[in-house]
Every structure is written in C-alpha cells, then in structure tokens.
Amino acid sequence: MSTYFPKAGEIARKWYVVDASGQTLGPIGLASRPHPEWGRKNPGYTPFLDTGIMWVIINADKVKVTGMKAEQKSYQHYTGIRAAF
C-alpha cells in the first residue's frame, strides 16, 4: 500500500473557526471533539502535506481547566530548567 498524495487540483481550502471560551479540555471537551476533517479521519489526510484545512482557535485563554491542573502542571524545557506556567 502506498501513501496517498493529493494533486494540486484536489485540494480544497477550508477554514474552521472554533470559539474555546467556556469549554473544557480533555476526553469530553474541546481537545477530543470529533470532527471528520481532523487528522486521520479525513480520507485525504497526509501527515506531511498541507491538505488545505485550516483551524483557528479564538479565546484560547478563556478555556476552562478542571481539577488541580492549573496549579500542579509543570513543564520541562529542553534546557533542563523547570518552570510552572
């Protein structure tokens, strides 16, 4: 089986705008909302090519974080310095 490569004429440009204000992340929230255009479920999906689908997330700073994630989450930088955001 070979990788599918869409031709230039087959690529249809589509823009989607998602308002993240008041929505939660995680298994029942914004991060896992099923949509046929996202990733592998799109029949024309090729991981390393621009397939013409663009997503714009607005109000990302107003997303709800449940539980203690906002206080307990820490990130490891490639330099080795720990910082909590």
C-alpha atoms as a PDB file:
ATOM      1  CA  MET A   1       0.000   0.000   0.000  1.00  0.00           C
ATOM      2  CA  SER A   2       1.381   3.408  -0.894  1.00  0.00           C
ATOM      3  CA  THR A   3       0.865   6.824   0.654  1.00  0.00           C
ATOM      4  CA  TYR A   4      -1.841   8.954  -0.916  1.00  0.00           C
ATOM      5  CA  PHE A   5      -0.588  12.235  -2.402  1.00  0.00           C
ATOM      6  CA  PRO A   6      -3.349  14.713  -3.278  1.00  0.00           C
ATOM      7  CA  LYS A   7      -2.900  16.613  -6.528  1.00  0.00           C
ATOM      8  CA  ALA A   8      -2.966  20.428  -6.534  1.00  0.00           C
ATOM      9  CA  GLY A   9      -6.438  20.474  -8.109  1.00  0.00           C
ATOM     10  CA  GLU A  10      -7.849  18.093  -5.493  1.00  0.00           C
ATOM     11  CA  ILE A  11      -7.005  20.295  -2.504  1.00  0.00           C
ATOM     12  CA  ALA A  12      -9.984  22.368  -1.368  1.00  0.00           C
ATOM     13  CA  ARG A  13      -9.161  25.185   1.047  1.00  0.00           C
ATOM     14  CA  LYS A  14     -11.418  25.194   4.124  1.00  0.00           C
ATOM     15  CA  TRP A  15     -11.230  27.403   7.213  1.00  0.00           C
ATOM     16  CA  TYR A  16     -12.846  26.491  10.536  1.00  0.00           C
ATOM     17  CA  VAL A  17     -13.162  28.898  13.481  1.00  0.00           C
ATOM     18  CA  VAL A  18     -13.668  27.396  16.946  1.00  0.00           C
ATOM     19  CA  ASP A  19     -14.556  29.543  19.967  1.00  0.00           C
ATOM     20  CA  ALA A  20     -12.900  27.973  23.029  1.00  0.00           C
ATOM     21  CA  SER A  21     -14.335  30.318  25.663  1.00  0.00           C
ATOM     22  CA  GLY A  22     -16.054  28.416  28.459  1.00  0.00           C
ATOM     23  CA  GLN A  23     -15.239  24.973  27.032  1.00  0.00           C
ATOM     24  CA  THR A  24     -13.196  22.369  28.886  1.00  0.00           C
ATOM     25  CA  LEU A  25     -10.246  20.356  27.672  1.00  0.00           C
ATOM     26  CA  GLY A  26      -9.859  16.612  27.904  1.00  0.00           C
ATOM     27  CA  PRO A  27     -11.805  13.489  26.991  1.00  0.00           C
ATOM     28  CA  ILE A  28     -15.220  15.160  26.891  1.00  0.00           C
ATOM     29  CA  GLY A  29     -14.200  18.648  25.871  1.00  0.00           C
ATOM     30  CA  LEU A  30     -12.613  20.711  23.166  1.00  0.00           C
ATOM     31  CA  ALA A  31      -9.478  18.603  22.700  1.00  0.00           C
ATOM     32  CA  SER A  32     -11.374  15.468  21.739  1.00  0.00           C
ATOM     33  CA  ARG A  33     -14.346  16.885  19.870  1.00  0.00           C
ATOM     34  CA  PRO A  34     -14.863  14.544  16.912  1.00  0.00           C
ATOM     35  CA  HIS A  35     -14.820  16.186  13.525  1.00  0.00           C
ATOM     36  CA  PRO A  36     -14.400  14.471  10.161  1.00  0.00           C
ATOM     37  CA  GLU A  37     -11.815  16.997   8.978  1.00  0.00           C
ATOM     38  CA  TRP A  38      -9.402  16.455  11.896  1.00  0.00           C
ATOM     39  CA  GLY A  39      -6.385  14.308  11.209  1.00  0.00           C
ATOM     40  CA  ARG A  40      -6.517  10.682  10.213  1.00  0.00           C
ATOM     41  CA  LYS A  41     -10.297  10.520   9.808  1.00  0.00           C
ATOM     42  CA  ASN A  42     -10.060  12.748   6.744  1.00  0.00           C
ATOM     43  CA  PRO A  43      -9.742  10.493   3.656  1.00  0.00           C
ATOM     44  CA  GLY A  44      -7.276  12.902   2.043  1.00  0.00           C
ATOM     45  CA  TYR A  45      -5.079  13.207   5.133  1.00  0.00           C
ATOM     46  CA  THR A  46      -1.355  13.040   4.532  1.00  0.00           C
ATOM     47  CA  PRO A  47       0.730  13.816   7.640  1.00  0.00           C
ATOM     48  CA  PHE A  48       3.481  15.825   5.948  1.00  0.00           C
ATOM     49  CA  LEU A  49       1.450  17.762   3.351  1.00  0.00           C
ATOM     50  CA  ASP A  50      -0.762  20.828   3.505  1.00  0.00           C
ATOM     51  CA  THR A  51      -4.178  19.383   2.673  1.00  0.00           C
ATOM     52  CA  GLY A  52      -5.919  22.765   2.748  1.00  0.00           C
ATOM     53  CA  ILE A  53      -7.729  22.565   6.093  1.00  0.00           C
ATOM     54  CA  MET A  54      -7.014  25.424   8.491  1.00  0.00           C
ATOM     55  CA  TRP A  55      -8.231  25.708  12.100  1.00  0.00           C
ATOM     56  CA  VAL A  56      -8.407  28.987  14.024  1.00  0.00           C
ATOM     57  CA  ILE A  57      -8.997  28.743  17.776  1.00  0.00           C
ATOM     58  CA  ILE A  58     -10.221  32.000  19.302  1.00  0.00           C
ATOM     59  CA  ASN A  59     -10.446  32.821  23.027  1.00  0.00           C
ATOM     60  CA  ALA A  60      -7.999  30.034  23.918  1.00  0.00           C
ATOM     61  CA  ASP A  61      -7.060  31.891  27.099  1.00  0.00           C
ATOM     62  CA  LYS A  62     -10.654  31.548  28.351  1.00  0.00           C
ATOM     63  CA  VAL A  63     -10.754  27.743  28.238  1.00  0.00           C
ATOM     64  CA  LYS A  64     -11.744  26.005  31.496  1.00  0.00           C
ATOM     65  CA  VAL A  65      -9.168  23.799  33.160  1.00  0.00           C
ATOM     66  CA  THR A  66     -10.778  21.346  35.578  1.00  0.00           C
ATOM     67  CA  GLY A  67      -9.415  19.974  38.829  1.00  0.00           C
ATOM     68  CA  MET A  68      -5.965  20.989  40.065  1.00  0.00           C
ATOM     69  CA  LYS A  69      -4.292  21.013  36.639  1.00  0.00           C
ATOM     70  CA  ALA A  70      -3.706  24.765  36.608  1.00  0.00           C
ATOM     71  CA  GLU A  71      -1.757  24.615  39.896  1.00  0.00           C
ATOM     72  CA  GLN A  72       0.007  21.257  39.522  1.00  0.00           C
ATOM     73  CA  LYS A  73       1.007  21.260  35.861  1.00  0.00           C
ATOM     74  CA  SER A  74       4.705  21.873  35.260  1.00  0.00           C
ATOM     75  CA  TYR A  75       6.652  21.878  32.015  1.00  0.00           C
ATOM     76  CA  GLN A  76      10.182  20.654  31.358  1.00  0.00           C
ATOM     77  CA  HIS A  77      12.099  22.806  28.881  1.00  0.00           C
ATOM     78  CA  TYR A  78      14.753  21.360  26.619  1.00  0.00           C
ATOM     79  CA  THR A  79      17.369  23.365  28.529  1.00  0.00           C
ATOM     80  CA  GLY A  80      16.554  21.407  31.687  1.00  0.00           C
ATOM     81  CA  ILE A  81      15.071  24.344  33.623  1.00  0.00           C
ATOM     82  CA  ARG A  82      11.739  23.579  35.297  1.00  0.00           C
ATOM     83  CA  ALA A  83       9.047  26.224  35.061  1.00  0.00           C
ATOM     84  CA  ALA A  84       5.408  26.173  36.070  1.00  0.00           C
ATOM     85  CA  PHE A  85       3.014  28.195  33.980  1.00  0.00           C
END
